[in-house]
């Protein structure tokens, strides 16, 4: 790892430096919440920001950057990620949705652009998600991920994005893209925390020189699809005991654990104190407690985000990535 400012970074296969702690913007749509949160993140050294067309806040996020950072800081010191939504998963639509994102953010380029999901949904003419008479998203079963990836590569060559990657893909899908790619995926973003460590997928990605970014690194308060009843990761007795021994918060322990596994983290919070706390993880090590935390992995059962609660029809797609969730 190399250091960019105060925050260590990992070098992507594209040659870019990605700060190993980023700030997630999912479920933050109101400027009254987003602006002070982004301002607090910038003040505490965050330069890596994760966004997506699906989050429906790109316009607000772009406006905040323009107001609180760009008048004083350099665009090239920021690392901005966004994502192609599932209703843009057609070769003919990649440039359309990317251009919409760039307009929304009021930026000339993205540092990283990901295919947000491997399955595809039918879009409306207004770049929304088409629904059937029952209000369910309509699945496009003819998705051609290789063809979509070739269009992603074109956006790199056009200078609209510096790096491209994948999100929520399984191992076989990652391998398929990697083998067909002229420009290899630089990044794989997946749900990753102590309950869902996905070590096989992490190790595969490392072997392919693909950097793993873990979203939901602090876990979730609810796991509706699990038969087990475990406390939220941040409240697990072992995590709390380790945090007490290390004189760090449970959140800091969980984030530091991922960093020591070689996983980039993008925690999200709108609370200024926690925003500061989440990036203050470079002055200690998990050390001998690593194996104990590794043993908390639930081997996929504690997957929070299978997306079926939002798009139940996604399970009909031949590219739905979590086949073990369909019967649940």
C-alpha atoms as a PDB file:
ATOM      1  CA  UNK A   1       0.000   0.000   0.000  1.00  0.00           C
ATOM      2  CA  UNK A   2       1.044   3.572  -0.650  1.00  0.00           C
ATOM      3  CA  UNK A   3       0.012   6.700   1.166  1.00  0.00           C
ATOM      4  CA  UNK A   4      -1.954   9.528  -0.427  1.00  0.00           C
ATOM      5  CA  UNK A   5      -2.192  12.288   2.139  1.00  0.00           C
ATOM      6  CA  UNK A   6      -3.167  10.858   5.509  1.00  0.00           C
ATOM      7  CA  UNK A   7      -5.155   7.901   4.157  1.00  0.00           C
ATOM      8  CA  UNK A   8      -3.344   4.800   2.844  1.00  0.00           C
ATOM      9  CA  UNK A   9      -4.321   3.688  -0.631  1.00  0.00           C
ATOM     10  CA  UNK A  10      -4.183   0.536  -2.702  1.00  0.00           C
ATOM     11  CA  UNK A  11      -3.078   0.655  -6.312  1.00  0.00           C
ATOM     12  CA  UNK A  12      -5.696  -0.669  -8.706  1.00  0.00           C
ATOM     13  CA  UNK A  13      -4.748  -2.730 -11.744  1.00  0.00           C
ATOM     14  CA  UNK A  14      -5.529   0.389 -13.805  1.00  0.00           C
ATOM     15  CA  UNK A  15      -2.698   2.196 -12.028  1.00  0.00           C
ATOM     16  CA  UNK A  16      -4.955   4.432  -9.942  1.00  0.00           C
ATOM     17  CA  UNK A  17      -4.600   4.854  -6.194  1.00  0.00           C
ATOM     18  CA  UNK A  18      -7.829   4.144  -4.291  1.00  0.00           C
ATOM     19  CA  UNK A  19      -7.991   5.259  -0.636  1.00  0.00           C
ATOM     20  CA  UNK A  20      -8.708   2.179   1.467  1.00  0.00           C
ATOM     21  CA  UNK A  21     -11.432   3.922   3.453  1.00  0.00           C
ATOM     22  CA  UNK A  22     -14.245   5.560   1.524  1.00  0.00           C
ATOM     23  CA  UNK A  23     -17.552   7.173   2.362  1.00  0.00           C
ATOM     24  CA  UNK A  24     -20.807   5.526   1.270  1.00  0.00           C
ATOM     25  CA  UNK A  25     -23.775   7.659   0.208  1.00  0.00           C
ATOM     26  CA  UNK A  26     -26.540   5.056  -0.114  1.00  0.00           C
ATOM     27  CA  UNK A  27     -29.933   6.032   1.381  1.00  0.00           C
ATOM     28  CA  UNK A  28     -28.904   9.673   1.749  1.00  0.00           C
ATOM     29  CA  UNK A  29     -31.200  11.620  -0.546  1.00  0.00           C
ATOM     30  CA  UNK A  30     -31.859  14.863   1.305  1.00  0.00           C
ATOM     31  CA  UNK A  31     -29.407  17.735   0.943  1.00  0.00           C
ATOM     32  CA  UNK A  32     -30.027  18.726   4.565  1.00  0.00           C
ATOM     33  CA  UNK A  33     -28.480  15.378   5.594  1.00  0.00           C
ATOM     34  CA  UNK A  34     -26.029  14.873   2.747  1.00  0.00           C
ATOM     35  CA  UNK A  35     -24.334  18.268   2.865  1.00  0.00           C
ATOM     36  CA  UNK A  36     -23.193  18.255   6.517  1.00  0.00           C
ATOM     37  CA  UNK A  37     -22.222  14.592   6.235  1.00  0.00           C
ATOM     38  CA  UNK A  38     -20.046  15.137   3.154  1.00  0.00           C
ATOM     39  CA  UNK A  39     -18.572  18.272   4.717  1.00  0.00           C
ATOM     40  CA  UNK A  40     -17.677  16.277   7.843  1.00  0.00           C
ATOM     41  CA  UNK A  41     -16.183  13.487   5.738  1.00  0.00           C
ATOM     42  CA  UNK A  42     -14.027  15.903   3.768  1.00  0.00           C
ATOM     43  CA  UNK A  43     -12.911  17.671   6.933  1.00  0.00           C
ATOM     44  CA  UNK A  44     -11.773  14.346   8.379  1.00  0.00           C
ATOM     45  CA  UNK A  45      -9.727  13.330   5.368  1.00  0.00           C
ATOM     46  CA  UNK A  46     -12.103  11.246   3.246  1.00  0.00           C
ATOM     47  CA  UNK A  47     -11.378  11.602  -0.455  1.00  0.00           C
ATOM     48  CA  UNK A  48     -12.983   8.376  -1.690  1.00  0.00           C
ATOM     49  CA  UNK A  49     -16.762   8.643  -2.190  1.00  0.00           C
ATOM     50  CA  UNK A  50     -19.075   5.868  -3.338  1.00  0.00           C
ATOM     51  CA  UNK A  51     -22.245   6.772  -5.234  1.00  0.00           C
ATOM     52  CA  UNK A  52     -24.635   5.159  -7.709  1.00  0.00           C
ATOM     53  CA  UNK A  53     -27.361   6.106 -10.163  1.00  0.00           C
ATOM     54  CA  UNK A  54     -29.732   3.896  -8.140  1.00  0.00           C
ATOM     55  CA  UNK A  55     -29.169   5.932  -4.973  1.00  0.00           C
ATOM     56  CA  UNK A  56     -31.165   8.791  -6.514  1.00  0.00           C
ATOM     57  CA  UNK A  57     -28.938  11.403  -4.902  1.00  0.00           C
ATOM     58  CA  UNK A  58     -26.274  12.086  -7.518  1.00  0.00           C
ATOM     59  CA  UNK A  59     -27.572  15.575  -8.248  1.00  0.00           C
ATOM     60  CA  UNK A  60     -27.519  16.432  -4.541  1.00  0.00           C
ATOM     61  CA  UNK A  61     -24.103  14.847  -4.056  1.00  0.00           C
ATOM     62  CA  UNK A  62     -22.636  16.708  -7.008  1.00  0.00           C
ATOM     63  CA  UNK A  63     -24.043  19.988  -5.734  1.00  0.00           C
ATOM     64  CA  UNK A  64     -22.514  19.404  -2.300  1.00  0.00           C
ATOM     65  CA  UNK A  65     -19.085  18.673  -3.799  1.00  0.00           C
ATOM     66  CA  UNK A  66     -19.308  21.796  -5.900  1.00  0.00           C
ATOM     67  CA  UNK A  67     -20.245  23.865  -2.855  1.00  0.00           C
ATOM     68  CA  UNK A  68     -18.042  22.543  -0.070  1.00  0.00           C
ATOM     69  CA  UNK A  69     -14.979  21.088  -1.841  1.00  0.00           C
ATOM     70  CA  UNK A  70     -14.318  21.998  -5.449  1.00  0.00           C
ATOM     71  CA  UNK A  71     -13.908  25.761  -4.822  1.00  0.00           C
ATOM     72  CA  UNK A  72     -10.998  24.924  -2.513  1.00  0.00           C
ATOM     73  CA  UNK A  73      -9.718  21.463  -3.491  1.00  0.00           C
ATOM     74  CA  UNK A  74      -8.568  19.703  -6.635  1.00  0.00           C
ATOM     75  CA  UNK A  75     -10.832  17.285  -8.497  1.00  0.00           C
ATOM     76  CA  UNK A  76      -7.882  14.945  -9.068  1.00  0.00           C
ATOM     77  CA  UNK A  77      -7.499  14.497  -5.306  1.00  0.00           C
ATOM     78  CA  UNK A  78     -10.965  12.932  -5.113  1.00  0.00           C
ATOM     79  CA  UNK A  79     -11.811   9.322  -5.947  1.00  0.00           C
ATOM     80  CA  UNK A  80     -15.438   9.164  -7.116  1.00  0.00           C
ATOM     81  CA  UNK A  81     -17.218   5.884  -7.826  1.00  0.00           C
ATOM     82  CA  UNK A  82     -20.626   5.432  -9.428  1.00  0.00           C
ATOM     83  CA  UNK A  83     -22.468   2.483 -10.920  1.00  0.00           C
ATOM     84  CA  UNK A  84     -24.412   1.403 -13.975  1.00  0.00           C
ATOM     85  CA  UNK A  85     -27.890   0.429 -12.712  1.00  0.00           C
ATOM     86  CA  UNK A  86     -29.479  -2.938 -13.565  1.00  0.00           C
ATOM     87  CA  UNK A  87     -31.918  -1.255 -15.936  1.00  0.00           C
ATOM     88  CA  UNK A  88     -28.886   0.002 -17.879  1.00  0.00           C
ATOM     89  CA  UNK A  89     -27.416  -3.467 -18.435  1.00  0.00           C
ATOM     90  CA  UNK A  90     -27.561  -3.400 -22.220  1.00  0.00           C
ATOM     91  CA  UNK A  91     -24.707  -2.415 -24.524  1.00  0.00           C
ATOM     92  CA  UNK A  92     -26.804   0.356 -26.046  1.00  0.00           C
ATOM     93  CA  UNK A  93     -27.542   1.875 -22.635  1.00  0.00           C
ATOM     94  CA  UNK A  94     -24.120   1.998 -20.957  1.00  0.00           C
ATOM     95  CA  UNK A  95     -23.121   5.389 -22.364  1.00  0.00           C
ATOM     96  CA  UNK A  96     -26.624   6.744 -21.793  1.00  0.00           C
ATOM     97  CA  UNK A  97     -26.619   6.035 -18.053  1.00  0.00           C
ATOM     98  CA  UNK A  98     -22.987   7.017 -17.599  1.00  0.00           C
ATOM     99  CA  UNK A  99     -23.615  10.358 -19.283  1.00  0.00           C
ATOM    100  CA  UNK A 100     -26.644  10.877 -17.034  1.00  0.00           C
ATOM    101  CA  UNK A 101     -24.471  10.195 -13.984  1.00  0.00           C
ATOM    102  CA  UNK A 102     -21.805  12.633 -15.151  1.00  0.00           C
ATOM    103  CA  UNK A 103     -24.473  15.299 -15.689  1.00  0.00           C
ATOM    104  CA  UNK A 104     -25.992  14.570 -12.297  1.00  0.00           C
ATOM    105  CA  UNK A 105     -22.654  14.842 -10.525  1.00  0.00           C
ATOM    106  CA  UNK A 106     -21.515  17.744 -12.726  1.00  0.00           C
ATOM    107  CA  UNK A 107     -18.203  15.983 -13.337  1.00  0.00           C
ATOM    108  CA  UNK A 108     -16.150  15.410 -16.476  1.00  0.00           C
ATOM    109  CA  UNK A 109     -15.086  11.894 -15.507  1.00  0.00           C
ATOM    110  CA  UNK A 110     -15.443   9.168 -12.869  1.00  0.00           C
ATOM    111  CA  UNK A 111     -12.534   7.473 -11.164  1.00  0.00           C
ATOM    112  CA  UNK A 112     -14.398   4.158 -11.076  1.00  0.00           C
ATOM    113  CA  UNK A 113     -17.550   2.920 -12.794  1.00  0.00           C
ATOM    114  CA  UNK A 114     -19.064  -0.414 -11.764  1.00  0.00           C
ATOM    115  CA  UNK A 115     -21.755  -2.661 -13.180  1.00  0.00           C
ATOM    116  CA  UNK A 116     -24.006  -2.450 -10.123  1.00  0.00           C
ATOM    117  CA  UNK A 117     -25.730  -5.844 -10.524  1.00  0.00           C
ATOM    118  CA  UNK A 118     -25.260  -8.717 -12.968  1.00  0.00           C
ATOM    119  CA  UNK A 119     -28.985  -9.154 -13.589  1.00  0.00           C
ATOM    120  CA  UNK A 120     -30.853  -6.801 -15.895  1.00  0.00           C
ATOM    121  CA  UNK A 121     -34.178  -4.985 -15.618  1.00  0.00           C
ATOM    122  CA  UNK A 122     -36.216  -3.296 -18.341  1.00  0.00           C
ATOM    123  CA  UNK A 123     -35.958   0.521 -18.312  1.00  0.00           C
ATOM    124  CA  UNK A 124     -38.519   3.197 -19.022  1.00  0.00           C
ATOM    125  CA  UNK A 125     -37.896   5.994 -21.503  1.00  0.00           C
ATOM    126  CA  UNK A 126     -37.164   8.267 -18.506  1.00  0.00           C
ATOM    127  CA  UNK A 127     -34.290   6.027 -17.298  1.00  0.00           C
ATOM    128  CA  UNK A 128     -36.465   4.501 -14.591  1.00  0.00           C
ATOM    129  CA  UNK A 129     -37.378   0.852 -13.982  1.00  0.00           C
ATOM    130  CA  UNK A 130     -40.348  -0.517 -15.913  1.00  0.00           C
ATOM    131  CA  UNK A 131     -43.019  -2.328 -13.887  1.00  0.00           C
ATOM    132  CA  UNK A 132     -45.740  -4.849 -14.720  1.00  0.00           C
ATOM    133  CA  UNK A 133     -49.400  -4.480 -13.788  1.00  0.00           C
ATOM    134  CA  UNK A 134     -48.614  -5.692 -10.266  1.00  0.00           C
ATOM    135  CA  UNK A 135     -45.909  -3.116  -9.683  1.00  0.00           C
ATOM    136  CA  UNK A 136     -43.034  -5.583 -10.026  1.00  0.00           C
ATOM    137  CA  UNK A 137     -39.872  -4.754 -11.922  1.00  0.00           C
ATOM    138  CA  UNK A 138     -39.683  -6.427 -15.324  1.00  0.00           C
ATOM    139  CA  UNK A 139     -36.625  -8.619 -15.782  1.00  0.00           C
ATOM    140  CA  UNK A 140     -34.627  -8.583 -19.004  1.00  0.00           C
ATOM    141  CA  UNK A 141     -33.592 -12.228 -19.410  1.00  0.00           C
ATOM    142  CA  UNK A 142     -31.425 -11.509 -22.454  1.00  0.00           C
ATOM    143  CA  UNK A 143     -28.651  -9.703 -20.589  1.00  0.00           C
ATOM    144  CA  UNK A 144     -25.237 -10.160 -22.240  1.00  0.00           C
ATOM    145  CA  UNK A 145     -22.686  -9.215 -19.596  1.00  0.00           C
ATOM    146  CA  UNK A 146     -19.714  -9.588 -21.928  1.00  0.00           C
ATOM    147  CA  UNK A 147     -21.263  -7.157 -24.405  1.00  0.00           C
ATOM    148  CA  UNK A 148     -22.021  -4.740 -21.570  1.00  0.00           C
ATOM    149  CA  UNK A 149     -18.422  -5.013 -20.387  1.00  0.00           C
ATOM    150  CA  UNK A 150     -17.126  -4.195 -23.873  1.00  0.00           C
ATOM    151  CA  UNK A 151     -19.130  -0.958 -23.715  1.00  0.00           C
ATOM    152  CA  UNK A 152     -17.667  -0.236 -20.279  1.00  0.00           C
ATOM    153  CA  UNK A 153     -14.208  -0.588 -21.828  1.00  0.00           C
ATOM    154  CA  UNK A 154     -15.147   1.979 -24.472  1.00  0.00           C
ATOM    155  CA  UNK A 155     -15.903   4.522 -21.746  1.00  0.00           C
ATOM    156  CA  UNK A 156     -12.336   4.124 -20.425  1.00  0.00           C
ATOM    157  CA  UNK A 157     -10.944   4.697 -23.914  1.00  0.00           C
ATOM    158  CA  UNK A 158     -13.130   7.798 -24.274  1.00  0.00           C
ATOM    159  CA  UNK A 159     -11.750   9.197 -21.019  1.00  0.00           C
ATOM    160  CA  UNK A 160     -15.099   9.277 -19.248  1.00  0.00           C
ATOM    161  CA  UNK A 161     -13.952   6.809 -16.573  1.00  0.00           C
ATOM    162  CA  UNK A 162     -10.469   5.900 -15.369  1.00  0.00           C
ATOM    163  CA  UNK A 163     -11.246   2.407 -14.021  1.00  0.00           C
ATOM    164  CA  UNK A 164     -14.082  -0.071 -14.407  1.00  0.00           C
ATOM    165  CA  UNK A 165     -15.287  -2.929 -12.273  1.00  0.00           C
ATOM    166  CA  UNK A 166     -18.113  -5.087 -10.951  1.00  0.00           C
ATOM    167  CA  UNK A 167     -20.502  -5.118  -8.017  1.00  0.00           C
ATOM    168  CA  UNK A 168     -22.527  -7.969  -6.512  1.00  0.00           C
ATOM    169  CA  UNK A 169     -21.110 -10.510  -8.981  1.00  0.00           C
ATOM    170  CA  UNK A 170     -20.421 -14.091  -7.936  1.00  0.00           C
ATOM    171  CA  UNK A 171     -17.186 -15.992  -8.615  1.00  0.00           C
ATOM    172  CA  UNK A 172     -18.216 -17.545 -11.925  1.00  0.00           C
ATOM    173  CA  UNK A 173     -19.468 -14.203 -13.222  1.00  0.00           C
ATOM    174  CA  UNK A 174     -16.248 -12.456 -12.192  1.00  0.00           C
ATOM    175  CA  UNK A 175     -14.175 -15.100 -13.959  1.00  0.00           C
ATOM    176  CA  UNK A 176     -16.288 -14.883 -17.107  1.00  0.00           C
ATOM    177  CA  UNK A 177     -15.796 -11.128 -17.359  1.00  0.00           C
ATOM    178  CA  UNK A 178     -12.106 -11.323 -16.489  1.00  0.00           C
ATOM    179  CA  UNK A 179     -11.391 -13.944 -19.153  1.00  0.00           C
ATOM    180  CA  UNK A 180     -13.193 -11.971 -21.869  1.00  0.00           C
ATOM    181  CA  UNK A 181     -11.922  -8.539 -20.878  1.00  0.00           C
ATOM    182  CA  UNK A 182      -9.426  -6.438 -22.763  1.00  0.00           C
ATOM    183  CA  UNK A 183      -9.429  -4.013 -19.833  1.00  0.00           C
ATOM    184  CA  UNK A 184      -9.564  -6.213 -16.750  1.00  0.00           C
ATOM    185  CA  UNK A 185     -11.914  -5.332 -13.863  1.00  0.00           C
ATOM    186  CA  UNK A 186     -10.049  -3.178 -11.358  1.00  0.00           C
ATOM    187  CA  UNK A 187     -12.530  -3.645  -8.555  1.00  0.00           C
ATOM    188  CA  UNK A 188     -15.235  -5.913  -7.182  1.00  0.00           C
ATOM    189  CA  UNK A 189     -17.623  -4.355  -4.692  1.00  0.00           C
ATOM    190  CA  UNK A 190     -19.475  -6.841  -2.480  1.00  0.00           C
ATOM    191  CA  UNK A 191     -21.279  -7.006   0.843  1.00  0.00           C
ATOM    192  CA  UNK A 192     -18.587  -7.876   3.355  1.00  0.00           C
ATOM    193  CA  UNK A 193     -18.439  -7.934   7.139  1.00  0.00           C
ATOM    194  CA  UNK A 194     -17.587 -10.394   9.922  1.00  0.00           C
ATOM    195  CA  UNK A 195     -20.803 -12.364   9.355  1.00  0.00           C
ATOM    196  CA  UNK A 196     -20.368 -12.462   5.559  1.00  0.00           C
ATOM    197  CA  UNK A 197     -16.647 -12.618   4.863  1.00  0.00           C
ATOM    198  CA  UNK A 198     -16.830 -14.319   1.428  1.00  0.00           C
ATOM    199  CA  UNK A 199     -13.212 -15.405   1.712  1.00  0.00           C
ATOM    200  CA  UNK A 200     -13.252 -17.585  -1.413  1.00  0.00           C
ATOM    201  CA  UNK A 201     -14.467 -14.659  -3.517  1.00  0.00           C
ATOM    202  CA  UNK A 202     -11.990 -12.280  -1.867  1.00  0.00           C
ATOM    203  CA  UNK A 203      -9.091 -14.667  -2.517  1.00  0.00           C
ATOM    204  CA  UNK A 204     -10.169 -15.266  -6.119  1.00  0.00           C
ATOM    205  CA  UNK A 205     -10.301 -11.519  -6.706  1.00  0.00           C
ATOM    206  CA  UNK A 206      -6.843 -11.041  -5.225  1.00  0.00           C
ATOM    207  CA  UNK A 207      -5.474 -13.783  -7.494  1.00  0.00           C
ATOM    208  CA  UNK A 208      -6.855 -11.851 -10.488  1.00  0.00           C
ATOM    209  CA  UNK A 209      -5.468  -8.509  -9.242  1.00  0.00           C
ATOM    210  CA  UNK A 210      -8.992  -7.242  -8.585  1.00  0.00           C
ATOM    211  CA  UNK A 211      -9.344  -4.997  -5.532  1.00  0.00           C
ATOM    212  CA  UNK A 212     -12.256  -5.908  -3.264  1.00  0.00           C
ATOM    213  CA  UNK A 213     -14.372  -3.122  -1.784  1.00  0.00           C
ATOM    214  CA  UNK A 214     -16.671  -4.175   1.044  1.00  0.00           C
ATOM    215  CA  UNK A 215     -19.976  -2.405   1.506  1.00  0.00           C
ATOM    216  CA  UNK A 216     -21.927  -2.757   4.750  1.00  0.00           C
ATOM    217  CA  UNK A 217     -18.620  -3.418   6.576  1.00  0.00           C
ATOM    218  CA  UNK A 218     -20.277  -2.826   9.948  1.00  0.00           C
ATOM    219  CA  UNK A 219     -23.013  -5.343   9.249  1.00  0.00           C
ATOM    220  CA  UNK A 220     -26.709  -4.655   9.568  1.00  0.00           C
ATOM    221  CA  UNK A 221     -29.266  -4.528  12.325  1.00  0.00           C
ATOM    222  CA  UNK A 222     -31.595  -6.958  10.602  1.00  0.00           C
ATOM    223  CA  UNK A 223     -31.034 -10.159   8.637  1.00  0.00           C
ATOM    224  CA  UNK A 224     -34.533 -11.207   7.576  1.00  0.00           C
ATOM    225  CA  UNK A 225     -33.410 -14.287   5.642  1.00  0.00           C
ATOM    226  CA  UNK A 226     -31.371 -15.905   8.395  1.00  0.00           C
ATOM    227  CA  UNK A 227     -32.572 -18.768  10.596  1.00  0.00           C
ATOM    228  CA  UNK A 228     -29.938 -17.894  13.186  1.00  0.00           C
ATOM    229  CA  UNK A 229     -30.383 -15.087  15.688  1.00  0.00           C
ATOM    230  CA  UNK A 230     -27.135 -13.257  16.157  1.00  0.00           C
ATOM    231  CA  UNK A 231     -26.768  -9.701  17.430  1.00  0.00           C
ATOM    232  CA  UNK A 232     -25.778  -6.962  14.987  1.00  0.00           C
ATOM    233  CA  UNK A 233     -22.078  -7.354  14.232  1.00  0.00           C
ATOM    234  CA  UNK A 234     -21.260  -4.145  16.034  1.00  0.00           C
ATOM    235  CA  UNK A 235     -22.892  -5.535  19.186  1.00  0.00           C
ATOM    236  CA  UNK A 236     -21.383  -9.009  19.154  1.00  0.00           C
ATOM    237  CA  UNK A 237     -19.852  -9.797  22.590  1.00  0.00           C
ATOM    238  CA  UNK A 238     -16.536 -10.821  21.049  1.00  0.00           C
ATOM    239  CA  UNK A 239     -16.296  -7.599  19.036  1.00  0.00           C
ATOM    240  CA  UNK A 240     -17.113  -5.565  22.122  1.00  0.00           C
ATOM    241  CA  UNK A 241     -14.533  -7.458  24.191  1.00  0.00           C
ATOM    242  CA  UNK A 242     -11.827  -6.899  21.576  1.00  0.00           C
ATOM    243  CA  UNK A 243     -12.732  -3.230  21.308  1.00  0.00           C
ATOM    244  CA  UNK A 244     -12.345  -2.883  25.070  1.00  0.00           C
ATOM    245  CA  UNK A 245      -8.921  -4.546  25.030  1.00  0.00           C
ATOM    246  CA  UNK A 246      -7.718  -2.405  22.138  1.00  0.00           C
ATOM    247  CA  UNK A 247      -9.358   0.759  23.508  1.00  0.00           C
ATOM    248  CA  UNK A 248     -11.144   1.266  20.219  1.00  0.00           C
ATOM    249  CA  UNK A 249     -14.826   1.328  19.319  1.00  0.00           C
ATOM    250  CA  UNK A 250     -16.522  -1.802  17.956  1.00  0.00           C
ATOM    251  CA  UNK A 251     -16.919  -0.039  14.614  1.00  0.00           C
ATOM    252  CA  UNK A 252     -13.199   0.682  14.465  1.00  0.00           C
ATOM    253  CA  UNK A 253     -12.422  -2.964  15.222  1.00  0.00           C
ATOM    254  CA  UNK A 254     -14.723  -4.166  12.450  1.00  0.00           C
ATOM    255  CA  UNK A 255     -13.294  -1.734   9.902  1.00  0.00           C
ATOM    256  CA  UNK A 256      -9.709  -2.427  10.865  1.00  0.00           C
ATOM    257  CA  UNK A 257     -10.346  -6.159  10.539  1.00  0.00           C
ATOM    258  CA  UNK A 258     -11.405  -5.693   6.911  1.00  0.00           C
ATOM    259  CA  UNK A 259      -8.397  -3.501   6.159  1.00  0.00           C
ATOM    260  CA  UNK A 260      -6.074  -6.175   7.518  1.00  0.00           C
ATOM    261  CA  UNK A 261      -7.796  -8.713   5.248  1.00  0.00           C
ATOM    262  CA  UNK A 262      -6.960  -6.448   2.291  1.00  0.00           C
ATOM    263  CA  UNK A 263     -10.554  -5.273   1.768  1.00  0.00           C
ATOM    264  CA  UNK A 264     -11.288  -1.595   1.099  1.00  0.00           C
ATOM    265  CA  UNK A 265     -14.206  -0.333   3.213  1.00  0.00           C
ATOM    266  CA  UNK A 266     -16.929   2.236   2.508  1.00  0.00           C
ATOM    267  CA  UNK A 267     -18.809   2.770   5.788  1.00  0.00           C
ATOM    268  CA  UNK A 268     -21.797   5.106   5.818  1.00  0.00           C
ATOM    269  CA  UNK A 269     -22.936   7.399   8.594  1.00  0.00           C
ATOM    270  CA  UNK A 270     -24.574  10.803   8.818  1.00  0.00           C
ATOM    271  CA  UNK A 271     -23.271  11.348  12.367  1.00  0.00           C
ATOM    272  CA  UNK A 272     -20.194  13.613  12.452  1.00  0.00           C
ATOM    273  CA  UNK A 273     -18.622  11.779  15.390  1.00  0.00           C
ATOM    274  CA  UNK A 274     -18.938   8.373  13.740  1.00  0.00           C
ATOM    275  CA  UNK A 275     -17.714   9.736  10.402  1.00  0.00           C
ATOM    276  CA  UNK A 276     -14.540  10.841  12.184  1.00  0.00           C
ATOM    277  CA  UNK A 277     -14.274   7.580  14.125  1.00  0.00           C
ATOM    278  CA  UNK A 278     -14.647   5.397  11.031  1.00  0.00           C
ATOM    279  CA  UNK A 279     -11.520   6.777   9.392  1.00  0.00           C
ATOM    280  CA  UNK A 280      -9.413   6.791  12.564  1.00  0.00           C
ATOM    281  CA  UNK A 281      -8.264   3.195  12.184  1.00  0.00           C
ATOM    282  CA  UNK A 282      -4.597   3.457  11.234  1.00  0.00           C
ATOM    283  CA  UNK A 283      -2.960   3.594  14.669  1.00  0.00           C
ATOM    284  CA  UNK A 284      -3.654   0.053  15.886  1.00  0.00           C
ATOM    285  CA  UNK A 285      -3.755  -3.569  14.700  1.00  0.00           C
ATOM    286  CA  UNK A 286      -6.158  -6.448  15.334  1.00  0.00           C
ATOM    287  CA  UNK A 287      -3.176  -8.797  15.677  1.00  0.00           C
ATOM    288  CA  UNK A 288      -3.911 -11.991  17.657  1.00  0.00           C
ATOM    289  CA  UNK A 289      -7.654 -11.397  17.524  1.00  0.00           C
ATOM    290  CA  UNK A 290      -7.814 -11.922  13.754  1.00  0.00           C
ATOM    291  CA  UNK A 291      -8.573 -15.685  13.959  1.00  0.00           C
ATOM    292  CA  UNK A 292     -11.333 -15.072  16.506  1.00  0.00           C
ATOM    293  CA  UNK A 293     -13.087 -12.609  14.239  1.00  0.00           C
ATOM    294  CA  UNK A 294     -12.552 -14.876  11.246  1.00  0.00           C
ATOM    295  CA  UNK A 295     -14.514 -17.579  13.062  1.00  0.00           C
ATOM    296  CA  UNK A 296     -17.607 -15.363  13.183  1.00  0.00           C
ATOM    297  CA  UNK A 297     -18.202 -15.899   9.458  1.00  0.00           C
ATOM    298  CA  UNK A 298     -21.658 -17.372   8.843  1.00  0.00           C
ATOM    299  CA  UNK A 299     -20.784 -18.780   5.414  1.00  0.00           C
ATOM    300  CA  UNK A 300     -23.357 -16.808   3.458  1.00  0.00           C
ATOM    301  CA  UNK A 301     -26.372 -17.224   5.728  1.00  0.00           C
ATOM    302  CA  UNK A 302     -26.125 -13.676   7.018  1.00  0.00           C
ATOM    303  CA  UNK A 303     -26.317 -12.026   3.602  1.00  0.00           C
ATOM    304  CA  UNK A 304     -28.455  -8.942   4.083  1.00  0.00           C
ATOM    305  CA  UNK A 305     -28.551  -7.677   0.505  1.00  0.00           C
ATOM    306  CA  UNK A 306     -29.877 -10.314  -1.863  1.00  0.00           C
ATOM    307  CA  UNK A 307     -32.079  -7.645  -3.541  1.00  0.00           C
ATOM    308  CA  UNK A 308     -35.125  -9.899  -3.635  1.00  0.00           C
ATOM    309  CA  UNK A 309     -36.941  -7.681  -1.145  1.00  0.00           C
ATOM    310  CA  UNK A 310     -36.695  -4.859  -3.697  1.00  0.00           C
ATOM    311  CA  UNK A 311     -36.914  -6.805  -6.974  1.00  0.00           C
ATOM    312  CA  UNK A 312     -38.310 -10.263  -6.268  1.00  0.00           C
ATOM    313  CA  UNK A 313     -38.484 -10.879  -9.998  1.00  0.00           C
ATOM    314  CA  UNK A 314     -34.677 -10.659 -10.203  1.00  0.00           C
ATOM    315  CA  UNK A 315     -34.540 -14.334  -9.235  1.00  0.00           C
ATOM    316  CA  UNK A 316     -35.894 -15.131 -12.718  1.00  0.00           C
ATOM    317  CA  UNK A 317     -32.790 -13.721 -14.347  1.00  0.00           C
ATOM    318  CA  UNK A 318     -30.200 -16.251 -15.563  1.00  0.00           C
ATOM    319  CA  UNK A 319     -27.622 -13.856 -14.099  1.00  0.00           C
ATOM    320  CA  UNK A 320     -29.091 -13.597 -10.604  1.00  0.00           C
ATOM    321  CA  UNK A 321     -25.896 -14.073  -8.545  1.00  0.00           C
ATOM    322  CA  UNK A 322     -27.136 -15.591  -5.281  1.00  0.00           C
ATOM    323  CA  UNK A 323     -28.910 -18.775  -6.342  1.00  0.00           C
ATOM    324  CA  UNK A 324     -28.877 -20.069  -2.761  1.00  0.00           C
ATOM    325  CA  UNK A 325     -31.287 -17.254  -1.819  1.00  0.00           C
ATOM    326  CA  UNK A 326     -34.033 -18.085  -4.288  1.00  0.00           C
ATOM    327  CA  UNK A 327     -35.737 -20.754  -2.183  1.00  0.00           C
ATOM    328  CA  UNK A 328     -35.662 -18.580   0.962  1.00  0.00           C
END
